[in-house]
Amino acid sequence: MRPTDFEHLETLTDREDRERAYADNAIYRHDEPQGTRYTKGTTEIATKRSWQSLDAILRSDASSAAALPTRPMRISRVFTALTIVAGILTVAGTAASAREGLDLQKLNGTGAVLLGGGLATVGFGITAGIFYGKTRRGYENAVDLYNDSLAVRLGLNTPDGQYIPPEGVLVDEEGFIMLDERERALAPGEEAADEAPPAEEPAEATPADAPVEAAPADEPVPPVEVAPPPAEPAPPAEVAPPPVQVPTPGGAAAAPFVDGQALSLHHR
């Protein structure tokens, strides 16, 4: 991939030009069956390349260049070369001992070359694979630093990674756009829409505008006296019932009637 001309990009002043420059020079990842591939820009004709092709573009920026895993990459290359040499010795030992074979009980020089070459190939190959993985992860980290540095140098992000929205765009705390009204953004020299209008002079008061006097409140009405309820009539006095003359047995010879005495059947 070709290096990025940061000196030219930093001279852009228009917001749309800077956003377009970021889209054309950023590095994008693509998940392919053969692994992760990278492209520069969003054009459809961009060639998808592996991480080994990112060295030139990543070294064009100081931040991403400092993050490149230089030491693990060198160690990986050394052990890769040793793996190739050990593989050649293994092939040579196999060809030399093809007639006699490998006898571990009576090991000769040819068998030792074959056995040593095989063990060295395995050991060097594992070590080279470990440092190869560290190198690949280091390049992936450098890609993220390159994109962040590109956004900062174009004025689209802050140094701590916060997105700088354009005029007329509102974003939430996570950076998602909530309102996009760029066409309503203020142009240079244009008056603010929400500026308070000049105060108007008060108009002369007219008779129609004169305040209407409130009517006087009604005089309080004196309370109406309520007559007490009539007293309940006293209960009638109990009147003794008139004496009742009860005939007594015995006919005319009976005892005379005594007024005011009750009849008693008890013996006196």
C-alpha atoms as a PDB file:
ATOM      1  CA  MET A   1       0.000   0.000   0.000  1.00  0.00           C
ATOM      2  CA  ARG A   2       1.206   3.495  -0.840  1.00  0.00           C
ATOM      3  CA  PRO A   3       2.177   5.835   2.036  1.00  0.00           C
ATOM      4  CA  THR A   4      -0.179   8.612   3.108  1.00  0.00           C
ATOM      5  CA  ASP A   5       0.720  12.257   2.431  1.00  0.00           C
ATOM      6  CA  PHE A   6      -0.128  13.781   5.798  1.00  0.00           C
ATOM      7  CA  GLU A   7       1.396  17.159   4.919  1.00  0.00           C
ATOM      8  CA  HIS A   8      -1.215  17.676   2.207  1.00  0.00           C
ATOM      9  CA  LEU A   9      -4.082  16.373   4.337  1.00  0.00           C
ATOM     10  CA  GLU A  10      -3.324  18.793   7.149  1.00  0.00           C
ATOM     11  CA  THR A  11      -3.847  21.754   4.789  1.00  0.00           C
ATOM     12  CA  LEU A  12      -7.529  20.903   4.207  1.00  0.00           C
ATOM     13  CA  THR A  13      -9.950  23.294   5.891  1.00  0.00           C
ATOM     14  CA  ASP A  14     -13.414  22.305   4.657  1.00  0.00           C
ATOM     15  CA  ARG A  15     -15.212  19.764   6.823  1.00  0.00           C
ATOM     16  CA  GLU A  16     -16.498  17.685   3.907  1.00  0.00           C
ATOM     17  CA  ASP A  17     -13.031  17.549   2.323  1.00  0.00           C
ATOM     18  CA  ARG A  18     -11.502  16.332   5.570  1.00  0.00           C
ATOM     19  CA  GLU A  19     -14.149  13.639   6.027  1.00  0.00           C
ATOM     20  CA  ARG A  20     -13.631  12.514   2.434  1.00  0.00           C
ATOM     21  CA  ALA A  21      -9.867  12.433   2.973  1.00  0.00           C
ATOM     22  CA  TYR A  22     -10.305  10.221   6.022  1.00  0.00           C
ATOM     23  CA  ALA A  23     -12.492   7.782   4.091  1.00  0.00           C
ATOM     24  CA  ASP A  24      -9.923   7.620   1.261  1.00  0.00           C
ATOM     25  CA  ASN A  25      -6.838   7.118   3.453  1.00  0.00           C
ATOM     26  CA  ALA A  26      -8.079   5.021   6.384  1.00  0.00           C
ATOM     27  CA  ILE A  27      -7.269   1.302   6.602  1.00  0.00           C
ATOM     28  CA  TYR A  28     -10.270  -1.045   6.596  1.00  0.00           C
ATOM     29  CA  ARG A  29     -10.407  -4.702   7.624  1.00  0.00           C
ATOM     30  CA  HIS A  30     -12.138  -7.437   5.614  1.00  0.00           C
ATOM     31  CA  ASP A  31     -12.798 -10.940   6.941  1.00  0.00           C
ATOM     32  CA  GLU A  32     -12.000 -13.380   4.157  1.00  0.00           C
ATOM     33  CA  PRO A  33     -11.864 -17.214   4.125  1.00  0.00           C
ATOM     34  CA  GLN A  34      -8.057 -17.051   3.938  1.00  0.00           C
ATOM     35  CA  GLY A  35      -7.862 -14.626   6.861  1.00  0.00           C
ATOM     36  CA  THR A  36      -8.106 -10.913   7.567  1.00  0.00           C
ATOM     37  CA  ARG A  37      -7.312  -8.665   4.617  1.00  0.00           C
ATOM     38  CA  TYR A  38      -6.794  -4.898   4.525  1.00  0.00           C
ATOM     39  CA  THR A  39      -7.571  -2.121   2.051  1.00  0.00           C
ATOM     40  CA  LYS A  40      -6.786   1.582   1.956  1.00  0.00           C
ATOM     41  CA  GLY A  41      -9.931   3.590   1.257  1.00  0.00           C
ATOM     42  CA  THR A  42     -13.446   2.510   0.373  1.00  0.00           C
ATOM     43  CA  THR A  43     -13.134   2.191  -3.403  1.00  0.00           C
ATOM     44  CA  GLU A  44     -14.345  -1.055  -4.914  1.00  0.00           C
ATOM     45  CA  ILE A  45     -11.175  -1.487  -6.982  1.00  0.00           C
ATOM     46  CA  ALA A  46      -8.922  -1.430  -3.909  1.00  0.00           C
ATOM     47  CA  THR A  47      -6.844  -4.590  -3.644  1.00  0.00           C
ATOM     48  CA  LYS A  48      -7.236  -6.575  -0.434  1.00  0.00           C
ATOM     49  CA  ARG A  49      -3.812  -7.337   1.016  1.00  0.00           C
ATOM     50  CA  SER A  50      -2.399  -9.182   4.016  1.00  0.00           C
ATOM     51  CA  TRP A  51      -0.863  -7.505   7.033  1.00  0.00           C
ATOM     52  CA  GLN A  52       2.668  -7.932   5.623  1.00  0.00           C
ATOM     53  CA  SER A  53       1.797  -5.282   2.990  1.00  0.00           C
ATOM     54  CA  LEU A  54       1.035  -2.604   5.600  1.00  0.00           C
ATOM     55  CA  ASP A  55       4.631  -1.766   6.461  1.00  0.00           C
ATOM     56  CA  ALA A  56       4.993   1.244   4.101  1.00  0.00           C
ATOM     57  CA  ILE A  57       1.676   2.916   4.967  1.00  0.00           C
ATOM     58  CA  LEU A  58       2.100   2.381   8.704  1.00  0.00           C
ATOM     59  CA  ARG A  59       5.587   3.902   8.681  1.00  0.00           C
ATOM     60  CA  SER A  60       4.225   7.099   7.089  1.00  0.00           C
ATOM     61  CA  ASP A  61       2.767   8.072  10.496  1.00  0.00           C
ATOM     62  CA  ALA A  62       4.967   8.505  13.554  1.00  0.00           C
ATOM     63  CA  SER A  63       2.472   7.004  16.028  1.00  0.00           C
ATOM     64  CA  SER A  64       1.815   3.809  14.082  1.00  0.00           C
ATOM     65  CA  ALA A  65       5.502   3.471  13.136  1.00  0.00           C
ATOM     66  CA  ALA A  66       6.500   3.526  16.805  1.00  0.00           C
ATOM     67  CA  ALA A  67       3.977   0.753  17.562  1.00  0.00           C
ATOM     68  CA  LEU A  68       5.322  -1.666  14.955  1.00  0.00           C
ATOM     69  CA  PRO A  69       6.646  -4.902  16.535  1.00  0.00           C
ATOM     70  CA  THR A  70      10.170  -4.622  15.146  1.00  0.00           C
ATOM     71  CA  ARG A  71      11.883  -7.007  17.576  1.00  0.00           C
ATOM     72  CA  PRO A  72       9.322  -9.856  17.391  1.00  0.00           C
ATOM     73  CA  MET A  73       9.367  -9.532  13.607  1.00  0.00           C
ATOM     74  CA  ARG A  74      13.154  -9.934  13.471  1.00  0.00           C
ATOM     75  CA  ILE A  75      13.103 -12.908  15.824  1.00  0.00           C
ATOM     76  CA  SER A  76      10.362 -14.517  13.772  1.00  0.00           C
ATOM     77  CA  ARG A  77      12.407 -14.081  10.598  1.00  0.00           C
ATOM     78  CA  VAL A  78      15.514 -15.591  12.239  1.00  0.00           C
ATOM     79  CA  PHE A  79      13.679 -18.675  13.456  1.00  0.00           C
ATOM     80  CA  THR A  80      11.936 -19.022  10.127  1.00  0.00           C
ATOM     81  CA  ALA A  81      15.334 -19.146   8.445  1.00  0.00           C
ATOM     82  CA  LEU A  82      16.582 -21.700  10.999  1.00  0.00           C
ATOM     83  CA  THR A  83      13.499 -23.802  10.366  1.00  0.00           C
ATOM     84  CA  ILE A  84      14.303 -23.839   6.652  1.00  0.00           C
ATOM     85  CA  VAL A  85      17.925 -24.866   7.335  1.00  0.00           C
ATOM     86  CA  ALA A  86      16.847 -27.596   9.738  1.00  0.00           C
ATOM     87  CA  GLY A  87      14.357 -28.836   7.171  1.00  0.00           C
ATOM     88  CA  ILE A  88      17.118 -29.102   4.578  1.00  0.00           C
ATOM     89  CA  LEU A  89      19.249 -31.143   7.009  1.00  0.00           C
ATOM     90  CA  THR A  90      16.294 -33.406   7.672  1.00  0.00           C
ATOM     91  CA  VAL A  91      15.801 -34.019   3.963  1.00  0.00           C
ATOM     92  CA  ALA A  92      19.519 -34.682   3.530  1.00  0.00           C
ATOM     93  CA  GLY A  93      19.600 -37.122   6.432  1.00  0.00           C
ATOM     94  CA  THR A  94      16.561 -38.909   5.074  1.00  0.00           C
ATOM     95  CA  ALA A  95      18.178 -39.298   1.676  1.00  0.00           C
ATOM     96  CA  ALA A  96      21.461 -40.530   3.185  1.00  0.00           C
ATOM     97  CA  SER A  97      19.823 -43.111   5.422  1.00  0.00           C
ATOM     98  CA  ALA A  98      17.301 -44.311   2.892  1.00  0.00           C
ATOM     99  CA  ARG A  99      19.236 -47.526   2.267  1.00  0.00           C
ATOM    100  CA  GLU A 100      20.245 -48.330   5.824  1.00  0.00           C
ATOM    101  CA  GLY A 101      17.282 -46.770   7.640  1.00  0.00           C
ATOM    102  CA  LEU A 102      17.276 -45.150  11.040  1.00  0.00           C
ATOM    103  CA  ASP A 103      18.402 -47.370  13.893  1.00  0.00           C
ATOM    104  CA  LEU A 104      18.037 -45.623  17.224  1.00  0.00           C
ATOM    105  CA  GLN A 105      19.983 -48.368  19.071  1.00  0.00           C
ATOM    106  CA  LYS A 106      23.013 -48.084  16.791  1.00  0.00           C
ATOM    107  CA  LEU A 107      22.861 -44.451  15.809  1.00  0.00           C
ATOM    108  CA  ASN A 108      25.437 -43.425  13.210  1.00  0.00           C
ATOM    109  CA  GLY A 109      26.300 -40.045  11.720  1.00  0.00           C
ATOM    110  CA  THR A 110      23.650 -40.199   9.042  1.00  0.00           C
ATOM    111  CA  GLY A 111      20.955 -41.112  11.543  1.00  0.00           C
ATOM    112  CA  ALA A 112      22.106 -38.350  13.881  1.00  0.00           C
ATOM    113  CA  VAL A 113      21.783 -35.798  11.098  1.00  0.00           C
ATOM    114  CA  LEU A 114      18.302 -37.079  10.303  1.00  0.00           C
ATOM    115  CA  LEU A 115      17.164 -37.114  13.937  1.00  0.00           C
ATOM    116  CA  GLY A 116      18.732 -33.760  14.814  1.00  0.00           C
ATOM    117  CA  GLY A 117      17.353 -32.115  11.713  1.00  0.00           C
ATOM    118  CA  GLY A 118      13.858 -33.343  12.451  1.00  0.00           C
ATOM    119  CA  LEU A 119      13.880 -32.174  16.078  1.00  0.00           C
ATOM    120  CA  ALA A 120      15.388 -28.809  15.131  1.00  0.00           C
ATOM    121  CA  THR A 121      12.787 -28.309  12.435  1.00  0.00           C
ATOM    122  CA  VAL A 122       9.976 -28.863  14.907  1.00  0.00           C
ATOM    123  CA  GLY A 123      11.504 -26.630  17.589  1.00  0.00           C
ATOM    124  CA  PHE A 124      12.409 -23.791  15.264  1.00  0.00           C
ATOM    125  CA  GLY A 125       9.044 -23.976  13.566  1.00  0.00           C
ATOM    126  CA  ILE A 126       7.125 -23.668  16.856  1.00  0.00           C
ATOM    127  CA  THR A 127       9.266 -20.727  17.990  1.00  0.00           C
ATOM    128  CA  ALA A 128       8.875 -18.976  14.654  1.00  0.00           C
ATOM    129  CA  GLY A 129       5.099 -19.463  14.831  1.00  0.00           C
ATOM    130  CA  ILE A 130       4.913 -17.898  18.312  1.00  0.00           C
ATOM    131  CA  PHE A 131       6.804 -14.778  17.263  1.00  0.00           C
ATOM    132  CA  TYR A 132       4.861 -14.666  14.006  1.00  0.00           C
ATOM    133  CA  GLY A 133       1.621 -14.403  15.987  1.00  0.00           C
ATOM    134  CA  LYS A 134       3.056 -11.614  18.147  1.00  0.00           C
ATOM    135  CA  THR A 135       4.122  -9.748  15.014  1.00  0.00           C
ATOM    136  CA  ARG A 136       0.675 -10.059  13.438  1.00  0.00           C
ATOM    137  CA  ARG A 137      -1.069  -8.769  16.587  1.00  0.00           C
ATOM    138  CA  GLY A 138       1.392  -5.878  16.722  1.00  0.00           C
ATOM    139  CA  TYR A 139       0.513  -4.870  13.165  1.00  0.00           C
ATOM    140  CA  GLU A 140      -3.202  -5.018  13.978  1.00  0.00           C
ATOM    141  CA  ASN A 141      -2.620  -2.658  16.908  1.00  0.00           C
ATOM    142  CA  ALA A 142      -0.599  -0.345  14.652  1.00  0.00           C
ATOM    143  CA  VAL A 143      -3.531  -0.198  12.203  1.00  0.00           C
ATOM    144  CA  ASP A 144      -5.814   1.097  14.971  1.00  0.00           C
ATOM    145  CA  LEU A 145      -3.238   3.713  15.957  1.00  0.00           C
ATOM    146  CA  TYR A 146      -2.870   4.798  12.336  1.00  0.00           C
ATOM    147  CA  ASN A 147      -6.626   5.359  11.939  1.00  0.00           C
ATOM    148  CA  ASP A 148      -6.827   7.263  15.235  1.00  0.00           C
ATOM    149  CA  SER A 149      -3.859   9.444  14.318  1.00  0.00           C
ATOM    150  CA  LEU A 150      -5.362  10.155  10.890  1.00  0.00           C
ATOM    151  CA  ALA A 151      -8.644  11.313  12.465  1.00  0.00           C
ATOM    152  CA  VAL A 152      -6.830  13.544  14.965  1.00  0.00           C
ATOM    153  CA  ARG A 153      -4.610  15.165  12.343  1.00  0.00           C
ATOM    154  CA  LEU A 154      -7.655  15.876  10.172  1.00  0.00           C
ATOM    155  CA  GLY A 155      -9.486  17.474  13.092  1.00  0.00           C
ATOM    156  CA  LEU A 156     -12.250  14.864  13.257  1.00  0.00           C
ATOM    157  CA  ASN A 157     -11.353  13.416  16.682  1.00  0.00           C
ATOM    158  CA  THR A 158      -9.837  14.693  19.889  1.00  0.00           C
ATOM    159  CA  PRO A 159      -6.520  13.230  21.137  1.00  0.00           C
ATOM    160  CA  ASP A 160      -8.434  11.042  23.608  1.00  0.00           C
ATOM    161  CA  GLY A 161     -10.547   9.537  20.807  1.00  0.00           C
ATOM    162  CA  GLN A 162     -13.753  11.582  21.170  1.00  0.00           C
ATOM    163  CA  TYR A 163     -15.557  12.416  17.931  1.00  0.00           C
ATOM    164  CA  ILE A 164     -15.819  16.127  17.065  1.00  0.00           C
ATOM    165  CA  PRO A 165     -19.246  16.629  15.444  1.00  0.00           C
ATOM    166  CA  PRO A 166     -19.676  19.257  12.729  1.00  0.00           C
ATOM    167  CA  GLU A 167     -21.900  22.288  13.072  1.00  0.00           C
ATOM    168  CA  GLY A 168     -25.570  21.325  13.367  1.00  0.00           C
ATOM    169  CA  VAL A 169     -24.909  17.734  14.527  1.00  0.00           C
ATOM    170  CA  LEU A 170     -25.697  16.485  18.026  1.00  0.00           C
ATOM    171  CA  VAL A 171     -24.169  13.287  19.415  1.00  0.00           C
ATOM    172  CA  ASP A 172     -24.694  11.393  22.659  1.00  0.00           C
ATOM    173  CA  GLU A 173     -22.083  10.353  25.206  1.00  0.00           C
ATOM    174  CA  GLU A 174     -21.140   7.246  23.218  1.00  0.00           C
ATOM    175  CA  GLY A 175     -20.613   9.177  19.988  1.00  0.00           C
ATOM    176  CA  PHE A 176     -23.799   8.150  18.173  1.00  0.00           C
ATOM    177  CA  ILE A 177     -25.466  10.865  16.078  1.00  0.00           C
ATOM    178  CA  MET A 178     -28.798  11.965  17.549  1.00  0.00           C
ATOM    179  CA  LEU A 179     -29.594  14.938  15.286  1.00  0.00           C
ATOM    180  CA  ASP A 180     -28.065  15.839  11.914  1.00  0.00           C
ATOM    181  CA  GLU A 181     -29.099  19.261  10.607  1.00  0.00           C
ATOM    182  CA  ARG A 182     -25.974  20.499   8.911  1.00  0.00           C
ATOM    183  CA  GLU A 183     -27.967  22.583   6.442  1.00  0.00           C
ATOM    184  CA  ARG A 184     -29.158  24.714   9.367  1.00  0.00           C
ATOM    185  CA  ALA A 185     -25.651  25.355  10.644  1.00  0.00           C
ATOM    186  CA  LEU A 186     -24.631  28.995  10.789  1.00  0.00           C
ATOM    187  CA  ALA A 187     -22.473  30.295   7.964  1.00  0.00           C
ATOM    188  CA  PRO A 188     -19.611  32.748   8.709  1.00  0.00           C
ATOM    189  CA  GLY A 189     -21.050  36.242   9.192  1.00  0.00           C
ATOM    190  CA  GLU A 190     -24.656  35.028   9.460  1.00  0.00           C
ATOM    191  CA  GLU A 191     -26.606  36.285  12.417  1.00  0.00           C
ATOM    192  CA  ALA A 192     -27.598  33.789  15.040  1.00  0.00           C
ATOM    193  CA  ALA A 193     -31.144  32.556  14.600  1.00  0.00           C
ATOM    194  CA  ASP A 194     -31.793  32.472  18.287  1.00  0.00           C
ATOM    195  CA  GLU A 195     -30.572  36.045  18.879  1.00  0.00           C
ATOM    196  CA  ALA A 196     -33.086  38.092  20.839  1.00  0.00           C
ATOM    197  CA  PRO A 197     -34.922  40.724  18.688  1.00  0.00           C
ATOM    198  CA  PRO A 198     -34.469  44.416  19.606  1.00  0.00           C
ATOM    199  CA  ALA A 199     -36.807  45.690  22.289  1.00  0.00           C
ATOM    200  CA  GLU A 200     -39.796  47.612  20.933  1.00  0.00           C
ATOM    201  CA  GLU A 201     -40.732  51.060  22.284  1.00  0.00           C
ATOM    202  CA  PRO A 202     -43.818  50.966  24.512  1.00  0.00           C
ATOM    203  CA  ALA A 203     -46.927  52.392  22.796  1.00  0.00           C
ATOM    204  CA  GLU A 204     -48.960  55.206  24.338  1.00  0.00           C
ATOM    205  CA  ALA A 205     -51.815  54.062  26.477  1.00  0.00           C
ATOM    206  CA  THR A 206     -55.297  54.666  25.008  1.00  0.00           C
ATOM    207  CA  PRO A 207     -58.579  54.997  26.885  1.00  0.00           C
ATOM    208  CA  ALA A 208     -59.553  51.591  25.637  1.00  0.00           C
ATOM    209  CA  ASP A 209     -56.369  50.164  27.157  1.00  0.00           C
ATOM    210  CA  ALA A 210     -56.980  51.866  30.525  1.00  0.00           C
ATOM    211  CA  PRO A 211     -57.452  49.375  33.325  1.00  0.00           C
ATOM    212  CA  VAL A 212     -61.036  48.844  34.393  1.00  0.00           C
ATOM    213  CA  GLU A 213     -61.714  49.548  38.047  1.00  0.00           C
ATOM    214  CA  ALA A 214     -63.018  46.601  39.893  1.00  0.00           C
ATOM    215  CA  ALA A 215     -66.560  46.866  41.313  1.00  0.00           C
ATOM    216  CA  PRO A 216     -66.752  47.291  45.083  1.00  0.00           C
ATOM    217  CA  ALA A 217     -67.356  44.173  46.951  1.00  0.00           C
ATOM    218  CA  ASP A 218     -70.913  43.591  48.253  1.00  0.00           C
ATOM    219  CA  GLU A 219     -71.586  44.460  51.888  1.00  0.00           C
ATOM    220  CA  PRO A 220     -71.687  41.436  54.141  1.00  0.00           C
ATOM    221  CA  VAL A 221     -75.194  40.131  54.820  1.00  0.00           C
ATOM    222  CA  PRO A 222     -76.047  39.872  58.540  1.00  0.00           C
ATOM    223  CA  PRO A 223     -76.666  36.361  59.686  1.00  0.00           C
ATOM    224  CA  VAL A 224     -80.302  35.274  59.905  1.00  0.00           C
ATOM    225  CA  GLU A 225     -81.455  34.317  63.361  1.00  0.00           C
ATOM    226  CA  VAL A 226     -82.818  30.845  63.456  1.00  0.00           C
ATOM    227  CA  ALA A 227     -85.641  30.123  65.946  1.00  0.00           C
ATOM    228  CA  PRO A 228     -84.876  27.326  68.341  1.00  0.00           C
ATOM    229  CA  PRO A 229     -86.804  24.149  67.768  1.00  0.00           C
ATOM    230  CA  PRO A 230     -90.033  23.763  69.837  1.00  0.00           C
ATOM    231  CA  ALA A 231     -89.669  21.977  73.099  1.00  0.00           C
ATOM    232  CA  GLU A 232     -90.971  18.491  73.250  1.00  0.00           C
ATOM    233  CA  PRO A 233     -94.298  18.169  75.163  1.00  0.00           C
ATOM    234  CA  ALA A 234     -94.075  16.647  78.584  1.00  0.00           C
ATOM    235  CA  PRO A 235     -95.389  13.129  78.831  1.00  0.00           C
ATOM    236  CA  PRO A 236     -98.930  12.913  80.309  1.00  0.00           C
ATOM    237  CA  ALA A 237     -99.223  12.106  83.981  1.00  0.00           C
ATOM    238  CA  GLU A 238    -100.225   8.611  84.852  1.00  0.00           C
ATOM    239  CA  VAL A 239    -103.813   8.397  86.102  1.00  0.00           C
ATOM    240  CA  ALA A 240    -104.812   5.610  88.413  1.00  0.00           C
ATOM    241  CA  PRO A 241    -107.474   3.389  86.963  1.00  0.00           C
ATOM    242  CA  PRO A 242    -110.929   3.549  88.634  1.00  0.00           C
ATOM    243  CA  PRO A 243    -111.692   0.890  91.159  1.00  0.00           C
ATOM    244  CA  VAL A 244    -113.343  -2.129  89.815  1.00  0.00           C
ATOM    245  CA  GLN A 245    -116.128  -3.793  91.796  1.00  0.00           C
ATOM    246  CA  VAL A 246    -115.614  -7.482  91.773  1.00  0.00           C
ATOM    247  CA  PRO A 247    -118.527  -9.598  92.987  1.00  0.00           C
ATOM    248  CA  THR A 248    -117.667 -12.008  95.691  1.00  0.00           C
ATOM    249  CA  PRO A 249    -119.123 -15.408  96.119  1.00  0.00           C
ATOM    250  CA  GLY A 250    -121.780 -15.817  98.824  1.00  0.00           C
ATOM    251  CA  GLY A 251    -124.554 -13.726  97.387  1.00  0.00           C
ATOM    252  CA  ALA A 252    -126.082 -11.040  99.560  1.00  0.00           C
ATOM    253  CA  ALA A 253    -124.418 -12.363 102.671  1.00  0.00           C
ATOM    254  CA  ALA A 254    -120.978 -11.425 101.318  1.00  0.00           C
ATOM    255  CA  ALA A 255    -118.871  -8.817 103.043  1.00  0.00           C
ATOM    256  CA  PRO A 256    -119.482  -5.279 102.010  1.00  0.00           C
ATOM    257  CA  PHE A 257    -117.250  -3.673  99.338  1.00  0.00           C
ATOM    258  CA  VAL A 258    -114.279  -1.764 100.680  1.00  0.00           C
ATOM    259  CA  ASP A 259    -112.980   1.049  98.507  1.00  0.00           C
ATOM    260  CA  GLY A 260    -109.235   1.374  97.912  1.00  0.00           C
ATOM    261  CA  GLN A 261    -108.203  -2.105  99.051  1.00  0.00           C
ATOM    262  CA  ALA A 262    -107.009  -4.726  96.735  1.00  0.00           C
ATOM    263  CA  LEU A 263    -108.267  -8.210  96.889  1.00  0.00           C
ATOM    264  CA  SER A 264    -105.884 -10.540  98.639  1.00  0.00           C
ATOM    265  CA  LEU A 265    -106.183 -14.299  98.780  1.00  0.00           C
ATOM    266  CA  HIS A 266    -103.705 -14.686 101.625  1.00  0.00           C
ATOM    267  CA  HIS A 267    -104.889 -15.395 105.148  1.00  0.00           C
ATOM    268  CA  ARG A 268    -104.559 -12.419 107.429  1.00  0.00           C
END
